[in-house]
Amino acid sequence: MGGGYLADSNTTKRMLAQTLKQQMAHMPFSKIRVSEICAACGVSRKSFYYHFRDKYDLVDWIFRSEFISKVRPDRYENAWAFLEDICAYFYRERVFYSAAIKIYGQNSFLESFSEAMEPFMQNFLRQIICSAHNSEFAQNFLTDAFLCSLVRWLRGPDILPPERYLDHLRQLLVDLSHHILFLEGIDTPSKKENA
């Protein structure tokens, strides 16, 4: 009996989530009312408030159930594979996330998004930051930089495909590394080839 109720509960949540996503594709989040979400998918307001505090809570649930709960760090062989996976996901769901990150105020999705993503990013950045010197600073800096870049990417009017976005990111990191090594007077393969 308990299993059937859980299945019904998850079905209701998914219906509400899908309806909200459809509405966010066509109108600003601020204009969407809980009563409209319920009417569009045939769920009572009482049922909505049984599952969610408000529409902000539903947005957060979509992010946590569709992404956070499915991210398993042990699935990835390296940090870059992780970045490829999350960028592909956000690109597939770009209509929803480009609207969600515009939700400001007390229930800002962006704040929730950053807090949830931070431990995942830091976990993978530990793999590529070899030096123990200032590793916490490096993790924090790169986490903040990537999250800001990800948000700017999702907000853009003509969002690049994830492969191109990551190519730009990879090339930027390579160019930046070569420049810093050049300033430090350390030979890089490209410097030797040009010599």
Protein backbone atom coordinates (compact mmCIF):
# COMPACT_ATOMS: atom_id res chain seq x y z
CA MET A 1 0.00 0.00 0.00
CA GLY A 2 2.79 2.43 0.92
CA GLY A 3 4.58 1.76 -2.38
CA GLY A 4 1.46 2.65 -4.40
CA TYR A 5 1.03 5.92 -2.54
CA LEU A 6 4.67 6.82 -3.17
CA ALA A 7 4.24 6.10 -6.88
CA ASP A 8 1.09 8.29 -6.98
CA SER A 9 2.92 11.04 -5.09
CA ASN A 10 5.83 10.98 -7.56
CA THR A 11 3.42 10.98 -10.50
CA THR A 12 1.68 14.08 -9.13
CA LYS A 13 5.00 15.86 -8.57
CA ARG A 14 6.16 15.04 -12.08
CA MET A 15 2.87 16.28 -13.59
CA LEU A 16 3.17 19.56 -11.71
CA ALA A 17 6.82 19.86 -12.72
CA GLN A 18 6.11 19.23 -16.41
CA THR A 19 3.26 21.73 -16.40
CA LEU A 20 5.39 24.40 -14.75
CA LYS A 21 8.18 23.82 -17.29
CA GLN A 22 5.71 24.25 -20.16
CA GLN A 23 4.38 27.47 -18.67
CA MET A 24 7.88 28.85 -18.02
CA ALA A 25 8.64 28.37 -21.72
CA HIS A 26 5.91 30.87 -22.62
CA MET A 27 5.60 33.37 -19.79
CA PRO A 28 7.69 35.00 -17.05
CA PHE A 29 7.83 33.01 -13.83
CA SER A 30 6.48 35.98 -11.87
CA LYS A 31 3.22 35.80 -13.87
CA ILE A 32 2.62 32.09 -13.23
CA ARG A 33 0.10 31.27 -10.48
CA VAL A 34 -0.21 28.02 -8.54
CA SER A 35 -3.90 27.88 -9.47
CA GLU A 36 -2.94 27.96 -13.18
CA ILE A 37 -0.41 25.16 -12.76
CA CYS A 38 -3.01 23.04 -10.98
CA ALA A 39 -5.77 23.75 -13.51
CA ALA A 40 -3.50 22.91 -16.45
CA CYS A 41 -2.67 19.42 -15.16
CA GLY A 42 -5.85 18.61 -13.24
CA VAL A 43 -4.31 18.62 -9.76
CA SER A 44 -6.04 20.29 -6.82
CA ARG A 45 -4.43 23.21 -5.00
CA LYS A 46 -4.64 21.14 -1.82
CA SER A 47 -2.57 18.42 -3.49
CA PHE A 48 -0.05 20.99 -4.75
CA TYR A 49 0.45 22.42 -1.25
CA TYR A 50 0.70 18.93 0.20
CA HIS A 51 3.81 18.37 -1.94
CA PHE A 52 5.28 21.87 -2.27
CA ARG A 53 5.38 25.03 -0.18
CA ASP A 54 5.04 27.24 -3.27
CA LYS A 55 6.04 27.47 -6.92
CA TYR A 56 9.64 28.29 -5.92
CA ASP A 57 9.81 25.01 -4.04
CA LEU A 58 8.60 23.22 -7.18
CA VAL A 59 11.39 24.81 -9.26
CA ASP A 60 13.92 23.67 -6.67
CA TRP A 61 12.45 20.15 -6.66
CA ILE A 62 12.80 19.92 -10.45
CA PHE A 63 16.50 20.79 -10.20
CA ARG A 64 17.14 18.41 -7.30
CA SER A 65 15.14 15.47 -8.64
CA GLU A 66 16.22 15.72 -12.29
CA PHE A 67 19.85 16.66 -11.77
CA ILE A 68 21.28 16.64 -8.25
CA SER A 69 19.84 13.28 -7.22
CA LYS A 70 21.21 11.66 -10.40
CA VAL A 71 24.75 13.06 -10.29
CA ARG A 72 27.07 10.29 -9.13
CA PRO A 73 30.71 11.37 -8.89
CA ASP A 74 31.99 7.79 -9.18
CA ARG A 75 30.54 7.59 -12.72
CA TYR A 76 33.09 10.04 -14.12
CA GLU A 77 36.66 9.17 -15.00
CA ASN A 78 37.79 12.81 -14.79
CA ALA A 79 36.62 16.37 -14.16
CA TRP A 80 36.24 17.14 -17.85
CA ALA A 81 33.80 14.25 -18.36
CA PHE A 82 31.75 15.70 -15.52
CA LEU A 83 31.68 19.14 -17.17
CA GLU A 84 30.63 17.59 -20.48
CA ASP A 85 27.77 15.74 -18.80
CA ILE A 86 26.39 18.70 -16.86
CA CYS A 87 26.66 21.04 -19.85
CA ALA A 88 24.79 18.53 -22.02
CA TYR A 89 22.06 18.30 -19.38
CA PHE A 90 21.66 22.06 -18.99
CA TYR A 91 21.62 22.50 -22.76
CA ARG A 92 18.83 19.91 -23.13
CA GLU A 93 16.86 21.70 -20.40
CA ARG A 94 17.94 25.23 -21.41
CA VAL A 95 14.41 26.63 -21.78
CA PHE A 96 13.63 25.80 -18.15
CA TYR A 97 17.01 26.84 -16.71
CA SER A 98 17.31 30.07 -18.67
CA ALA A 99 13.98 31.07 -17.09
CA ALA A 100 14.80 29.65 -13.63
CA ILE A 101 18.04 31.58 -13.23
CA LYS A 102 16.10 34.81 -13.75
CA ILE A 103 14.12 34.17 -10.55
CA TYR A 104 15.39 36.75 -8.08
CA GLY A 105 14.50 37.76 -4.55
CA GLN A 106 14.09 35.80 -1.37
CA ASN A 107 13.59 32.51 -3.23
CA SER A 108 16.31 33.05 -5.82
CA PHE A 109 16.90 29.87 -7.80
CA LEU A 110 20.39 31.07 -8.66
CA GLU A 111 21.40 30.98 -5.01
CA SER A 112 20.02 27.47 -4.56
CA PHE A 113 21.67 26.38 -7.82
CA SER A 114 25.09 27.72 -6.78
CA GLU A 115 24.91 26.15 -3.32
CA ALA A 116 23.92 22.76 -4.74
CA MET A 117 26.54 22.80 -7.52
CA GLU A 118 29.46 23.96 -5.39
CA PRO A 119 30.30 20.62 -3.69
CA PHE A 120 30.15 18.76 -7.02
CA MET A 121 32.44 21.28 -8.68
CA GLN A 122 34.90 21.31 -5.80
CA ASN A 123 35.01 17.52 -5.70
CA PHE A 124 36.06 17.36 -9.35
CA LEU A 125 38.40 20.34 -9.21
CA ARG A 126 40.37 18.52 -6.51
CA GLN A 127 41.33 16.04 -9.22
CA ILE A 128 42.97 18.67 -11.40
CA ILE A 129 44.51 20.92 -8.75
CA CYS A 130 47.71 19.14 -7.90
CA SER A 131 49.36 21.70 -5.67
CA ALA A 132 48.42 21.69 -2.00
CA HIS A 133 49.48 25.35 -1.90
CA ASN A 134 46.34 27.47 -1.81
CA SER A 135 44.23 24.58 -3.15
CA GLU A 136 41.15 25.86 -1.28
CA PHE A 137 41.57 29.27 -2.92
CA ALA A 138 41.95 27.62 -6.34
CA GLN A 139 38.88 25.42 -5.87
CA ASN A 140 36.75 28.36 -4.73
CA PHE A 141 37.97 30.60 -7.54
CA LEU A 142 37.44 28.03 -10.29
CA THR A 143 34.06 26.96 -8.89
CA ASP A 144 32.85 30.56 -8.83
CA ALA A 145 34.28 31.25 -12.29
CA PHE A 146 32.66 28.17 -13.84
CA LEU A 147 29.28 28.78 -12.22
CA CYS A 148 29.27 32.41 -13.39
CA SER A 149 30.24 31.31 -16.89
CA LEU A 150 27.56 28.60 -16.89
CA VAL A 151 24.89 31.11 -15.88
CA ARG A 152 26.03 33.61 -18.55
CA TRP A 153 25.98 30.80 -21.13
CA LEU A 154 22.42 29.78 -20.17
CA ARG A 155 21.21 33.39 -20.16
CA GLY A 156 22.53 34.12 -23.63
CA PRO A 157 19.96 34.73 -26.39
CA ASP A 158 21.78 32.37 -28.78
CA ILE A 159 23.13 29.67 -26.50
CA LEU A 160 26.07 27.76 -27.96
CA PRO A 161 25.86 23.96 -28.18
CA PRO A 162 27.68 22.42 -25.19
CA GLU A 163 30.51 21.06 -27.35
CA ARG A 164 31.35 24.56 -28.62
CA TYR A 165 30.98 26.12 -25.19
CA LEU A 166 33.41 23.58 -23.73
CA ASP A 167 35.79 23.99 -26.68
CA HIS A 168 35.93 27.72 -25.92
CA LEU A 169 36.51 26.97 -22.24
CA ARG A 170 39.24 24.42 -22.99
CA GLN A 171 41.02 26.78 -25.40
CA LEU A 172 40.81 29.63 -22.91
CA LEU A 173 42.41 27.49 -20.19
CA VAL A 174 45.17 26.33 -22.56
CA ASP A 175 45.91 29.90 -23.73
CA LEU A 176 45.86 31.21 -20.18
CA SER A 177 48.19 28.45 -19.00
CA HIS A 178 50.65 29.11 -21.83
CA HIS A 179 50.60 32.84 -21.12
CA ILE A 180 51.29 32.34 -17.42
CA LEU A 181 54.08 29.86 -18.14
CA PHE A 182 55.56 32.33 -20.62
CA LEU A 183 55.51 35.09 -17.97
CA GLU A 184 57.19 32.70 -15.54
CA GLY A 185 59.87 31.92 -18.12
CA ILE A 186 58.94 28.23 -18.35
CA ASP A 187 59.26 26.54 -21.73
CA THR A 188 56.05 25.10 -23.14
CA PRO A 189 55.76 22.82 -26.20
CA SER A 190 54.34 25.72 -28.27
CA LYS A 191 57.24 27.99 -27.30
CA LYS A 192 59.76 25.35 -28.31
CA GLU A 193 58.01 24.81 -31.66
CA ASN A 194 58.10 28.56 -32.38
CA ALA A 195 61.76 28.92 -31.38
